[in-house]
Full PDB file with SEQRES, HELIX, SHEET, SSBOND, CRYST1, ORIGX, SCALE, CONECT and MASTER records, all heavy atoms in Angstrom:
SEQRES   1 A   36  VAL GLN ASP VAL LEU GLU LEU ASN PRO GLN LEU VAL LEU          
SEQRES   2 A   36  LEU ASP ILE ASN LEU PRO PHE GLN ASP GLY TYR TYR ILE          
SEQRES   3 A   36  CYS ARG GLU ILE ARG LYS LYS SER SER VAL                      
HELIX    1 AA1 GLN A    2  LEU A    7  1                                   6    
HELIX    2 AA2 GLY A   23  LYS A   33  1                                  11    
CRYST1    1.000    1.000    1.000  90.00  90.00  90.00 P 1           1          
ORIGX1      1.000000  0.000000  0.000000        0.00000                         
ORIGX2      0.000000  1.000000  0.000000        0.00000                         
ORIGX3      0.000000  0.000000  1.000000        0.00000                         
SCALE1      1.000000  0.000000  0.000000        0.00000                         
SCALE2      0.000000  1.000000  0.000000        0.00000                         
SCALE3      0.000000  0.000000  1.000000        0.00000                         
ATOM      1  N   VAL A   1     -12.145 -16.544 -34.159  1.00  0.00           N  
ATOM      2  CA  VAL A   1     -11.927 -16.640 -35.602  1.00  0.00           C  
ATOM      3  C   VAL A   1     -12.453 -18.018 -36.028  1.00  0.00           C  
ATOM      4  O   VAL A   1     -13.204 -18.070 -37.088  1.00  0.00           O  
ATOM      5  CB  VAL A   1     -10.466 -16.489 -35.968  1.00  0.00           C  
ATOM      6  CG1 VAL A   1     -10.240 -16.764 -37.418  1.00  0.00           C  
ATOM      7  CG2 VAL A   1      -9.995 -15.047 -35.624  1.00  0.00           C  
ATOM      8  N   GLN A   2     -12.113 -19.044 -35.379  1.00  0.00           N  
ATOM      9  CA  GLN A   2     -12.567 -20.408 -35.730  1.00  0.00           C  
ATOM     10  C   GLN A   2     -14.071 -20.485 -35.608  1.00  0.00           C  
ATOM     11  O   GLN A   2     -14.686 -21.097 -36.522  1.00  0.00           O  
ATOM     12  CB  GLN A   2     -11.920 -21.457 -34.803  1.00  0.00           C  
ATOM     13  CG  GLN A   2     -12.290 -22.870 -35.141  1.00  0.00           C  
ATOM     14  CD  GLN A   2     -11.595 -23.892 -34.194  1.00  0.00           C  
ATOM     15  OE1 GLN A   2     -10.686 -23.620 -33.577  1.00  0.00           O  
ATOM     16  NE2 GLN A   2     -12.122 -25.092 -34.239  1.00  0.00           N  
ATOM     17  N   ASP A   3     -14.644 -19.912 -34.624  1.00  0.00           N  
ATOM     18  CA  ASP A   3     -16.120 -19.909 -34.442  1.00  0.00           C  
ATOM     19  C   ASP A   3     -16.834 -19.247 -35.572  1.00  0.00           C  
ATOM     20  O   ASP A   3     -17.844 -19.688 -36.040  1.00  0.00           O  
ATOM     21  CB  ASP A   3     -16.516 -19.273 -33.060  1.00  0.00           C  
ATOM     22  CG  ASP A   3     -16.109 -20.083 -31.882  1.00  0.00           C  
ATOM     23  OD1 ASP A   3     -15.868 -21.294 -32.046  1.00  0.00           O  
ATOM     24  OD2 ASP A   3     -16.008 -19.519 -30.798  1.00  0.00           O  
ATOM     25  N   VAL A   4     -16.319 -18.072 -35.962  1.00  0.00           N  
ATOM     26  CA  VAL A   4     -16.892 -17.360 -37.131  1.00  0.00           C  
ATOM     27  C   VAL A   4     -16.880 -18.215 -38.402  1.00  0.00           C  
ATOM     28  O   VAL A   4     -17.880 -18.326 -39.112  1.00  0.00           O  
ATOM     29  CB  VAL A   4     -16.196 -16.001 -37.350  1.00  0.00           C  
ATOM     30  CG1 VAL A   4     -16.642 -15.367 -38.653  1.00  0.00           C  
ATOM     31  CG2 VAL A   4     -16.390 -15.039 -36.211  1.00  0.00           C  
ATOM     32  N   LEU A   5     -15.738 -18.817 -38.618  1.00  0.00           N  
ATOM     33  CA  LEU A   5     -15.593 -19.630 -39.839  1.00  0.00           C  
ATOM     34  C   LEU A   5     -16.501 -20.858 -39.810  1.00  0.00           C  
ATOM     35  O   LEU A   5     -17.109 -21.228 -40.847  1.00  0.00           O  
ATOM     36  CB  LEU A   5     -14.145 -20.048 -40.018  1.00  0.00           C  
ATOM     37  CG  LEU A   5     -13.133 -18.898 -40.260  1.00  0.00           C  
ATOM     38  CD1 LEU A   5     -11.728 -19.445 -40.319  1.00  0.00           C  
ATOM     39  CD2 LEU A   5     -13.479 -18.128 -41.531  1.00  0.00           C  
ATOM     40  N   GLU A   6     -16.672 -21.462 -38.646  1.00  0.00           N  
ATOM     41  CA  GLU A   6     -17.496 -22.670 -38.570  1.00  0.00           C  
ATOM     42  C   GLU A   6     -19.023 -22.316 -38.613  1.00  0.00           C  
ATOM     43  O   GLU A   6     -19.770 -23.030 -39.237  1.00  0.00           O  
ATOM     44  CB  GLU A   6     -17.179 -23.389 -37.211  1.00  0.00           C  
ATOM     45  CG  GLU A   6     -15.819 -24.095 -37.227  1.00  0.00           C  
ATOM     46  CD  GLU A   6     -15.558 -24.814 -35.922  1.00  0.00           C  
ATOM     47  OE1 GLU A   6     -16.389 -24.705 -35.020  1.00  0.00           O  
ATOM     48  OE2 GLU A   6     -14.492 -25.509 -35.817  1.00  0.00           O  
ATOM     49  N   LEU A   7     -19.448 -21.216 -37.984  1.00  0.00           N  
ATOM     50  CA  LEU A   7     -20.781 -20.816 -37.958  1.00  0.00           C  
ATOM     51  C   LEU A   7     -21.260 -20.224 -39.310  1.00  0.00           C  
ATOM     52  O   LEU A   7     -22.393 -20.256 -39.623  1.00  0.00           O  
ATOM     53  CB  LEU A   7     -21.046 -19.837 -36.821  1.00  0.00           C  
ATOM     54  CG  LEU A   7     -20.906 -20.443 -35.415  1.00  0.00           C  
ATOM     55  CD1 LEU A   7     -20.968 -19.282 -34.358  1.00  0.00           C  
ATOM     56  CD2 LEU A   7     -22.019 -21.373 -35.182  1.00  0.00           C  
ATOM     57  N   ASN A   8     -20.288 -19.678 -40.009  1.00  0.00           N  
ATOM     58  CA  ASN A   8     -20.544 -19.156 -41.394  1.00  0.00           C  
ATOM     59  C   ASN A   8     -21.728 -18.197 -41.507  1.00  0.00           C  
ATOM     60  O   ASN A   8     -22.693 -18.469 -42.243  1.00  0.00           O  
ATOM     61  CB  ASN A   8     -20.745 -20.346 -42.337  1.00  0.00           C  
ATOM     62  CG  ASN A   8     -20.701 -19.892 -43.807  1.00  0.00           C  
ATOM     63  OD1 ASN A   8     -20.044 -18.954 -44.169  1.00  0.00           O  
ATOM     64  ND2 ASN A   8     -21.440 -20.611 -44.648  1.00  0.00           N  
ATOM     65  N   PRO A   9     -21.685 -17.138 -40.745  1.00  0.00           N  
ATOM     66  CA  PRO A   9     -22.818 -16.193 -40.744  1.00  0.00           C  
ATOM     67  C   PRO A   9     -22.761 -15.352 -42.048  1.00  0.00           C  
ATOM     68  O   PRO A   9     -21.733 -15.326 -42.749  1.00  0.00           O  
ATOM     69  CB  PRO A   9     -22.581 -15.297 -39.516  1.00  0.00           C  
ATOM     70  CG  PRO A   9     -21.089 -15.317 -39.418  1.00  0.00           C  
ATOM     71  CD  PRO A   9     -20.640 -16.705 -39.820  1.00  0.00           C  
ATOM     72  N   GLN A  10     -23.848 -14.603 -42.328  1.00  0.00           N  
ATOM     73  CA  GLN A  10     -23.835 -13.693 -43.470  1.00  0.00           C  
ATOM     74  C   GLN A  10     -23.221 -12.319 -43.097  1.00  0.00           C  
ATOM     75  O   GLN A  10     -22.837 -11.557 -43.978  1.00  0.00           O  
ATOM     76  CB  GLN A  10     -25.236 -13.460 -44.001  1.00  0.00           C  
ATOM     77  CG  GLN A  10     -25.690 -14.481 -45.082  1.00  0.00           C  
ATOM     78  CD  GLN A  10     -25.965 -15.833 -44.465  1.00  0.00           C  
ATOM     79  OE1 GLN A  10     -26.801 -15.945 -43.543  1.00  0.00           O  
ATOM     80  NE2 GLN A  10     -25.328 -16.881 -44.925  1.00  0.00           N  
ATOM     81  N   LEU A  11     -23.122 -12.023 -41.769  1.00  0.00           N  
ATOM     82  CA  LEU A  11     -22.583 -10.842 -41.343  1.00  0.00           C  
ATOM     83  C   LEU A  11     -22.099 -10.906 -39.897  1.00  0.00           C  
ATOM     84  O   LEU A  11     -22.722 -11.653 -39.099  1.00  0.00           O  
ATOM     85  CB  LEU A  11     -23.611  -9.627 -41.473  1.00  0.00           C  
ATOM     86  CG  LEU A  11     -23.147  -8.239 -41.096  1.00  0.00           C  
ATOM     87  CD1 LEU A  11     -23.769  -7.199 -42.083  1.00  0.00           C  
ATOM     88  CD2 LEU A  11     -23.521  -7.814 -39.681  1.00  0.00           C  
ATOM     89  N   VAL A  12     -21.061 -10.185 -39.560  1.00  0.00           N  
ATOM     90  CA  VAL A  12     -20.480 -10.219 -38.190  1.00  0.00           C  
ATOM     91  C   VAL A  12     -20.488  -8.833 -37.597  1.00  0.00           C  
ATOM     92  O   VAL A  12     -20.036  -7.905 -38.245  1.00  0.00           O  
ATOM     93  CB  VAL A  12     -19.022 -10.770 -38.181  1.00  0.00           C  
ATOM     94  CG1 VAL A  12     -18.474 -10.730 -36.734  1.00  0.00           C  
ATOM     95  CG2 VAL A  12     -19.020 -12.196 -38.694  1.00  0.00           C  
ATOM     96  N   LEU A  13     -21.048  -8.689 -36.380  1.00  0.00           N  
ATOM     97  CA  LEU A  13     -20.960  -7.438 -35.627  1.00  0.00           C  
ATOM     98  C   LEU A  13     -19.878  -7.709 -34.586  1.00  0.00           C  
ATOM     99  O   LEU A  13     -20.028  -8.546 -33.714  1.00  0.00           O  
ATOM    100  CB  LEU A  13     -22.286  -7.101 -34.907  1.00  0.00           C  
ATOM    101  CG  LEU A  13     -23.483  -6.800 -35.841  1.00  0.00           C  
ATOM    102  CD1 LEU A  13     -24.747  -6.563 -35.009  1.00  0.00           C  
ATOM    103  CD2 LEU A  13     -23.194  -5.603 -36.703  1.00  0.00           C  
ATOM    104  N   LEU A  14     -18.786  -6.936 -34.711  1.00  0.00           N  
ATOM    105  CA  LEU A  14     -17.570  -7.250 -33.961  1.00  0.00           C  
ATOM    106  C   LEU A  14     -17.131  -6.055 -33.089  1.00  0.00           C  
ATOM    107  O   LEU A  14     -16.927  -4.936 -33.585  1.00  0.00           O  
ATOM    108  CB  LEU A  14     -16.437  -7.572 -34.949  1.00  0.00           C  
ATOM    109  CG  LEU A  14     -15.039  -7.866 -34.365  1.00  0.00           C  
ATOM    110  CD1 LEU A  14     -15.057  -9.077 -33.498  1.00  0.00           C  
ATOM    111  CD2 LEU A  14     -14.043  -8.014 -35.545  1.00  0.00           C  
ATOM    112  N   ASP A  15     -16.983  -6.350 -31.786  1.00  0.00           N  
ATOM    113  CA  ASP A  15     -16.471  -5.312 -30.846  1.00  0.00           C  
ATOM    114  C   ASP A  15     -14.940  -5.370 -30.928  1.00  0.00           C  
ATOM    115  O   ASP A  15     -14.329  -6.368 -31.284  1.00  0.00           O  
ATOM    116  CB  ASP A  15     -16.981  -5.640 -29.410  1.00  0.00           C  
ATOM    117  CG  ASP A  15     -16.654  -4.530 -28.454  1.00  0.00           C  
ATOM    118  OD1 ASP A  15     -16.403  -3.433 -28.902  1.00  0.00           O  
ATOM    119  OD2 ASP A  15     -16.653  -4.773 -27.262  1.00  0.00           O  
ATOM    120  N   ILE A  16     -14.328  -4.237 -30.521  1.00  0.00           N  
ATOM    121  CA  ILE A  16     -12.845  -4.181 -30.508  1.00  0.00           C  
ATOM    122  C   ILE A  16     -12.292  -4.751 -29.189  1.00  0.00           C  
ATOM    123  O   ILE A  16     -11.361  -5.515 -29.167  1.00  0.00           O  
ATOM    124  CB  ILE A  16     -12.344  -2.783 -30.750  1.00  0.00           C  
ATOM    125  CG1 ILE A  16     -12.672  -2.343 -32.162  1.00  0.00           C  
ATOM    126  CG2 ILE A  16     -10.769  -2.715 -30.547  1.00  0.00           C  
ATOM    127  CD1 ILE A  16     -12.224  -0.941 -32.498  1.00  0.00           C  
ATOM    128  N   ASN A  17     -12.857  -4.266 -28.060  1.00  0.00           N  
ATOM    129  CA  ASN A  17     -12.353  -4.630 -26.786  1.00  0.00           C  
ATOM    130  C   ASN A  17     -12.927  -5.984 -26.382  1.00  0.00           C  
ATOM    131  O   ASN A  17     -14.021  -6.088 -25.799  1.00  0.00           O  
ATOM    132  CB  ASN A  17     -12.721  -3.540 -25.725  1.00  0.00           C  
ATOM    133  CG  ASN A  17     -12.069  -2.218 -26.014  1.00  0.00           C  
ATOM    134  OD1 ASN A  17     -10.950  -2.185 -26.404  1.00  0.00           O  
ATOM    135  ND2 ASN A  17     -12.839  -1.172 -25.893  1.00  0.00           N  
ATOM    136  N   LEU A  18     -12.167  -7.015 -26.577  1.00  0.00           N  
ATOM    137  CA  LEU A  18     -12.589  -8.385 -26.259  1.00  0.00           C  
ATOM    138  C   LEU A  18     -11.499  -9.053 -25.447  1.00  0.00           C  
ATOM    139  O   LEU A  18     -10.325  -8.729 -25.525  1.00  0.00           O  
ATOM    140  CB  LEU A  18     -12.813  -9.186 -27.551  1.00  0.00           C  
ATOM    141  CG  LEU A  18     -13.996  -8.733 -28.436  1.00  0.00           C  
ATOM    142  CD1 LEU A  18     -13.875  -9.436 -29.807  1.00  0.00           C  
ATOM    143  CD2 LEU A  18     -15.331  -8.982 -27.781  1.00  0.00           C  
ATOM    144  N   PRO A  19     -11.860 -10.070 -24.686  1.00  0.00           N  
ATOM    145  CA  PRO A  19     -10.851 -10.838 -23.856  1.00  0.00           C  
ATOM    146  C   PRO A  19     -10.031 -11.727 -24.848  1.00  0.00           C  
ATOM    147  O   PRO A  19     -10.502 -11.991 -25.922  1.00  0.00           O  
ATOM    148  CB  PRO A  19     -11.679 -11.654 -22.911  1.00  0.00           C  
ATOM    149  CG  PRO A  19     -13.008 -11.768 -23.596  1.00  0.00           C  
ATOM    150  CD  PRO A  19     -13.235 -10.472 -24.336  1.00  0.00           C  
ATOM    151  N   PHE A  20      -8.856 -12.078 -24.441  1.00  0.00           N  
ATOM    152  CA  PHE A  20      -7.963 -12.958 -25.196  1.00  0.00           C  
ATOM    153  C   PHE A  20      -7.338 -12.287 -26.407  1.00  0.00           C  
ATOM    154  O   PHE A  20      -6.125 -12.067 -26.483  1.00  0.00           O  
ATOM    155  CB  PHE A  20      -8.629 -14.233 -25.675  1.00  0.00           C  
ATOM    156  CG  PHE A  20      -9.279 -15.031 -24.491  1.00  0.00           C  
ATOM    157  CD1 PHE A  20     -10.638 -15.090 -24.319  1.00  0.00           C  
ATOM    158  CD2 PHE A  20      -8.478 -15.689 -23.558  1.00  0.00           C  
ATOM    159  CE1 PHE A  20     -11.233 -15.776 -23.266  1.00  0.00           C  
ATOM    160  CE2 PHE A  20      -9.049 -16.379 -22.482  1.00  0.00           C  
ATOM    161  CZ  PHE A  20     -10.437 -16.409 -22.324  1.00  0.00           C  
ATOM    162  N   GLN A  21      -8.154 -11.924 -27.419  1.00  0.00           N  
ATOM    163  CA  GLN A  21      -7.670 -11.243 -28.625  1.00  0.00           C  
ATOM    164  C   GLN A  21      -8.606 -10.088 -28.971  1.00  0.00           C  
ATOM    165  O   GLN A  21      -9.817 -10.225 -28.859  1.00  0.00           O  
ATOM    166  CB  GLN A  21      -7.624 -12.245 -29.802  1.00  0.00           C  
ATOM    167  CG  GLN A  21      -6.713 -13.432 -29.524  1.00  0.00           C  
ATOM    168  CD  GLN A  21      -7.055 -14.610 -30.413  1.00  0.00           C  
ATOM    169  OE1 GLN A  21      -8.163 -14.792 -30.924  1.00  0.00           O  
ATOM    170  NE2 GLN A  21      -6.083 -15.522 -30.622  1.00  0.00           N  
ATOM    171  N   ASP A  22      -7.998  -8.958 -29.346  1.00  0.00           N  
ATOM    172  CA  ASP A  22      -8.907  -7.800 -29.622  1.00  0.00           C  
ATOM    173  C   ASP A  22      -9.503  -7.921 -31.002  1.00  0.00           C  
ATOM    174  O   ASP A  22      -9.166  -8.772 -31.821  1.00  0.00           O  
ATOM    175  CB  ASP A  22      -8.173  -6.485 -29.443  1.00  0.00           C  
ATOM    176  CG  ASP A  22      -7.053  -6.286 -30.503  1.00  0.00           C  
ATOM    177  OD1 ASP A  22      -7.064  -6.964 -31.574  1.00  0.00           O  
ATOM    178  OD2 ASP A  22      -6.135  -5.418 -30.250  1.00  0.00           O  
ATOM    179  N   GLY A  23     -10.507  -7.055 -31.244  1.00  0.00           N  
ATOM    180  CA  GLY A  23     -11.208  -7.067 -32.514  1.00  0.00           C  
ATOM    181  C   GLY A  23     -10.342  -6.863 -33.779  1.00  0.00           C  
ATOM    182  O   GLY A  23     -10.659  -7.366 -34.840  1.00  0.00           O  
ATOM    183  N   TYR A  24      -9.244  -6.093 -33.587  1.00  0.00           N  
ATOM    184  CA  TYR A  24      -8.372  -5.831 -34.720  1.00  0.00           C  
ATOM    185  C   TYR A  24      -7.766  -7.143 -35.199  1.00  0.00           C  
ATOM    186  O   TYR A  24      -7.776  -7.469 -36.367  1.00  0.00           O  
ATOM    187  CB  TYR A  24      -7.256  -4.928 -34.317  1.00  0.00           C  
ATOM    188  CG  TYR A  24      -7.698  -3.479 -34.065  1.00  0.00           C  
ATOM    189  CD1 TYR A  24      -7.095  -2.731 -33.044  1.00  0.00           C  
ATOM    190  CD2 TYR A  24      -8.671  -2.866 -34.818  1.00  0.00           C  
ATOM    191  CE1 TYR A  24      -7.485  -1.410 -32.839  1.00  0.00           C  
ATOM    192  CE2 TYR A  24      -9.065  -1.581 -34.587  1.00  0.00           C  
ATOM    193  CZ  TYR A  24      -8.473  -0.857 -33.574  1.00  0.00           C  
ATOM    194  OH  TYR A  24      -8.838   0.407 -33.355  1.00  0.00           O  
ATOM    195  N   TYR A  25      -7.257  -7.878 -34.282  1.00  0.00           N  
ATOM    196  CA  TYR A  25      -6.597  -9.211 -34.588  1.00  0.00           C  
ATOM    197  C   TYR A  25      -7.655 -10.164 -35.229  1.00  0.00           C  
ATOM    198  O   TYR A  25      -7.398 -10.806 -36.244  1.00  0.00           O  
ATOM    199  CB  TYR A  25      -6.020  -9.812 -33.360  1.00  0.00           C  
ATOM    200  CG  TYR A  25      -5.503 -11.263 -33.583  1.00  0.00           C  
ATOM    201  CD1 TYR A  25      -4.207 -11.488 -34.107  1.00  0.00           C  
ATOM    202  CD2 TYR A  25      -6.349 -12.331 -33.274  1.00  0.00           C  
ATOM    203  CE1 TYR A  25      -3.780 -12.792 -34.323  1.00  0.00           C  
ATOM    204  CE2 TYR A  25      -5.897 -13.627 -33.563  1.00  0.00           C  
ATOM    205  CZ  TYR A  25      -4.661 -13.882 -34.041  1.00  0.00           C  
ATOM    206  OH  TYR A  25      -4.217 -15.170 -34.276  1.00  0.00           O  
ATOM    207  N   ILE A  26      -8.838 -10.223 -34.625  1.00  0.00           N  
ATOM    208  CA  ILE A  26      -9.859 -11.101 -35.133  1.00  0.00           C  
ATOM    209  C   ILE A  26     -10.309 -10.748 -36.513  1.00  0.00           C  
ATOM    210  O   ILE A  26     -10.466 -11.552 -37.404  1.00  0.00           O  
ATOM    211  CB  ILE A  26     -11.069 -11.092 -34.170  1.00  0.00           C  
ATOM    212  CG1 ILE A  26     -10.672 -11.788 -32.816  1.00  0.00           C  
ATOM    213  CG2 ILE A  26     -12.306 -11.774 -34.771  1.00  0.00           C  
ATOM    214  CD1 ILE A  26     -11.637 -11.479 -31.713  1.00  0.00           C  
ATOM    215  N   CYS A  27     -10.505  -9.432 -36.768  1.00  0.00           N  
ATOM    216  CA  CYS A  27     -10.861  -8.954 -38.070  1.00  0.00           C  
ATOM    217  C   CYS A  27      -9.822  -9.339 -39.102  1.00  0.00           C  
ATOM    218  O   CYS A  27     -10.145  -9.828 -40.193  1.00  0.00           O  
ATOM    219  CB  CYS A  27     -11.064  -7.433 -38.082  1.00  0.00           C  
ATOM    220  SG  CYS A  27     -11.636  -6.707 -39.599  1.00  0.00           S  
ATOM    221  N   ARG A  28      -8.541  -9.081 -38.817  1.00  0.00           N  
ATOM    222  CA  ARG A  28      -7.461  -9.426 -39.732  1.00  0.00           C  
ATOM    223  C   ARG A  28      -7.402 -10.934 -40.048  1.00  0.00           C  
ATOM    224  O   ARG A  28      -7.214 -11.303 -41.189  1.00  0.00           O  
ATOM    225  CB  ARG A  28      -6.128  -8.970 -39.165  1.00  0.00           C  
ATOM    226  CG  ARG A  28      -4.916  -9.197 -40.090  1.00  0.00           C  
ATOM    227  CD  ARG A  28      -3.654  -8.670 -39.552  1.00  0.00           C  
ATOM    228  NE  ARG A  28      -3.288  -9.276 -38.270  1.00  0.00           N  
ATOM    229  CZ  ARG A  28      -3.260  -8.652 -37.097  1.00  0.00           C  
ATOM    230  NH1 ARG A  28      -3.487  -7.342 -37.065  1.00  0.00           N  
ATOM    231  NH2 ARG A  28      -2.904  -9.270 -36.019  1.00  0.00           N  
ATOM    232  N   GLU A  29      -7.598 -11.750 -39.003  1.00  0.00           N  
ATOM    233  CA  GLU A  29      -7.494 -13.198 -39.233  1.00  0.00           C  
ATOM    234  C   GLU A  29      -8.703 -13.695 -39.984  1.00  0.00           C  
ATOM    235  O   GLU A  29      -8.580 -14.654 -40.839  1.00  0.00           O  
ATOM    236  CB  GLU A  29      -7.383 -13.907 -37.876  1.00  0.00           C  
ATOM    237  CG  GLU A  29      -6.076 -13.651 -37.162  1.00  0.00           C  
ATOM    238  CD  GLU A  29      -4.846 -13.997 -38.006  1.00  0.00           C  
ATOM    239  OE1 GLU A  29      -4.810 -15.110 -38.465  1.00  0.00           O  
ATOM    240  OE2 GLU A  29      -3.989 -13.097 -38.212  1.00  0.00           O  
ATOM    241  N   ILE A  30      -9.876 -13.181 -39.737  1.00  0.00           N  
ATOM    242  CA  ILE A  30     -11.065 -13.586 -40.490  1.00  0.00           C  
ATOM    243  C   ILE A  30     -10.838 -13.252 -42.021  1.00  0.00           C  
ATOM    244  O   ILE A  30     -11.169 -14.052 -42.879  1.00  0.00           O  
ATOM    245  CB  ILE A  30     -12.307 -12.870 -39.948  1.00  0.00           C  
ATOM    246  CG1 ILE A  30     -12.701 -13.413 -38.571  1.00  0.00           C  
ATOM    247  CG2 ILE A  30     -13.523 -13.067 -40.920  1.00  0.00           C  
ATOM    248  CD1 ILE A  30     -13.855 -12.673 -37.950  1.00  0.00           C  
ATOM    249  N   ARG A  31     -10.304 -12.041 -42.235  1.00  0.00           N  
ATOM    250  CA  ARG A  31     -10.132 -11.615 -43.601  1.00  0.00           C  
ATOM    251  C   ARG A  31      -9.161 -12.511 -44.400  1.00  0.00           C  
ATOM    252  O   ARG A  31      -9.199 -12.519 -45.633  1.00  0.00           O  
ATOM    253  CB  ARG A  31      -9.625 -10.164 -43.653  1.00  0.00           C  
ATOM    254  CG  ARG A  31     -10.707  -9.152 -43.667  1.00  0.00           C  
ATOM    255  CD  ARG A  31     -11.603  -9.254 -44.958  1.00  0.00           C  
ATOM    256  NE  ARG A  31     -12.825  -8.486 -44.781  1.00  0.00           N  
ATOM    257  CZ  ARG A  31     -13.984  -9.057 -44.446  1.00  0.00           C  
ATOM    258  NH1 ARG A  31     -14.091 -10.330 -44.255  1.00  0.00           N  
ATOM    259  NH2 ARG A  31     -15.073  -8.324 -44.300  1.00  0.00           N  
ATOM    260  N   LYS A  32      -8.298 -13.218 -43.714  1.00  0.00           N  
ATOM    261  CA  LYS A  32      -7.351 -14.074 -44.403  1.00  0.00           C  
ATOM    262  C   LYS A  32      -8.095 -15.289 -45.023  1.00  0.00           C  
ATOM    263  O   LYS A  32      -7.576 -15.898 -45.963  1.00  0.00           O  
ATOM    264  CB  LYS A  32      -6.288 -14.572 -43.463  1.00  0.00           C  
ATOM    265  CG  LYS A  32      -5.339 -13.513 -43.022  1.00  0.00           C  
ATOM    266  CD  LYS A  32      -4.308 -14.117 -41.989  1.00  0.00           C  
ATOM    267  CE  LYS A  32      -3.296 -13.076 -41.559  1.00  0.00           C  
ATOM    268  NZ  LYS A  32      -2.294 -13.584 -40.591  1.00  0.00           N  
ATOM    269  N   LYS A  33      -9.275 -15.615 -44.465  1.00  0.00           N  
ATOM    270  CA  LYS A  33      -9.937 -16.841 -44.899  1.00  0.00           C  
ATOM    271  C   LYS A  33     -11.407 -16.604 -45.346  1.00  0.00           C  
ATOM    272  O   LYS A  33     -12.030 -17.552 -45.838  1.00  0.00           O  
ATOM    273  CB  LYS A  33      -9.931 -17.848 -43.723  1.00  0.00           C  
ATOM    274  CG  LYS A  33      -8.535 -18.250 -43.269  1.00  0.00           C  
ATOM    275  CD  LYS A  33      -8.574 -19.231 -42.100  1.00  0.00           C  
ATOM    276  CE  LYS A  33      -7.152 -19.646 -41.745  1.00  0.00           C  
ATOM    277  NZ  LYS A  33      -7.191 -20.607 -40.590  1.00  0.00           N  
ATOM    278  N   SER A  34     -11.915 -15.422 -45.101  1.00  0.00           N  
ATOM    279  CA  SER A  34     -13.318 -15.181 -45.412  1.00  0.00           C  
ATOM    280  C   SER A  34     -13.602 -13.754 -45.829  1.00  0.00           C  
ATOM    281  O   SER A  34     -12.924 -12.851 -45.318  1.00  0.00           O  
ATOM    282  CB  SER A  34     -14.253 -15.592 -44.189  1.00  0.00           C  
ATOM    283  OG  SER A  34     -15.565 -15.194 -44.399  1.00  0.00           O  
ATOM    284  N   SER A  35     -14.567 -13.588 -46.699  1.00  0.00           N  
ATOM    285  CA  SER A  35     -15.011 -12.215 -47.125  1.00  0.00           C  
ATOM    286  C   SER A  35     -16.288 -11.792 -46.461  1.00  0.00           C  
ATOM    287  O   SER A  35     -16.963 -10.869 -46.929  1.00  0.00           O  
ATOM    288  CB  SER A  35     -15.176 -12.137 -48.593  1.00  0.00           C  
ATOM    289  OG  SER A  35     -16.091 -13.108 -49.087  1.00  0.00           O  
ATOM    290  N   VAL A  36     -16.691 -12.511 -45.359  1.00  0.00           N  
ATOM    291  CA  VAL A  36     -17.906 -12.178 -44.695  1.00  0.00           C  
ATOM    292  C   VAL A  36     -17.956 -10.694 -44.286  1.00  0.00           C  
ATOM    293  O   VAL A  36     -16.966 -10.115 -43.800  1.00  0.00           O  
ATOM    294  CB  VAL A  36     -18.142 -13.084 -43.409  1.00  0.00           C  
ATOM    295  CG1 VAL A  36     -17.011 -12.878 -42.441  1.00  0.00           C  
ATOM    296  CG2 VAL A  36     -19.465 -12.813 -42.755  1.00  0.00           C  
TER     297      VAL A  36                                                      
MASTER        0    0    0    2    0    0    0    6  296    1    0    3          
END                                                                             
């Protein structure tokens, strides 16, 4: 989540099955701070 916000891309391709935190959690947290 922090990396996405810092890199500030125009679009994110996001897998669901990821280590540490799954894509669902990451998507939800990104949406709290960004509309990318």
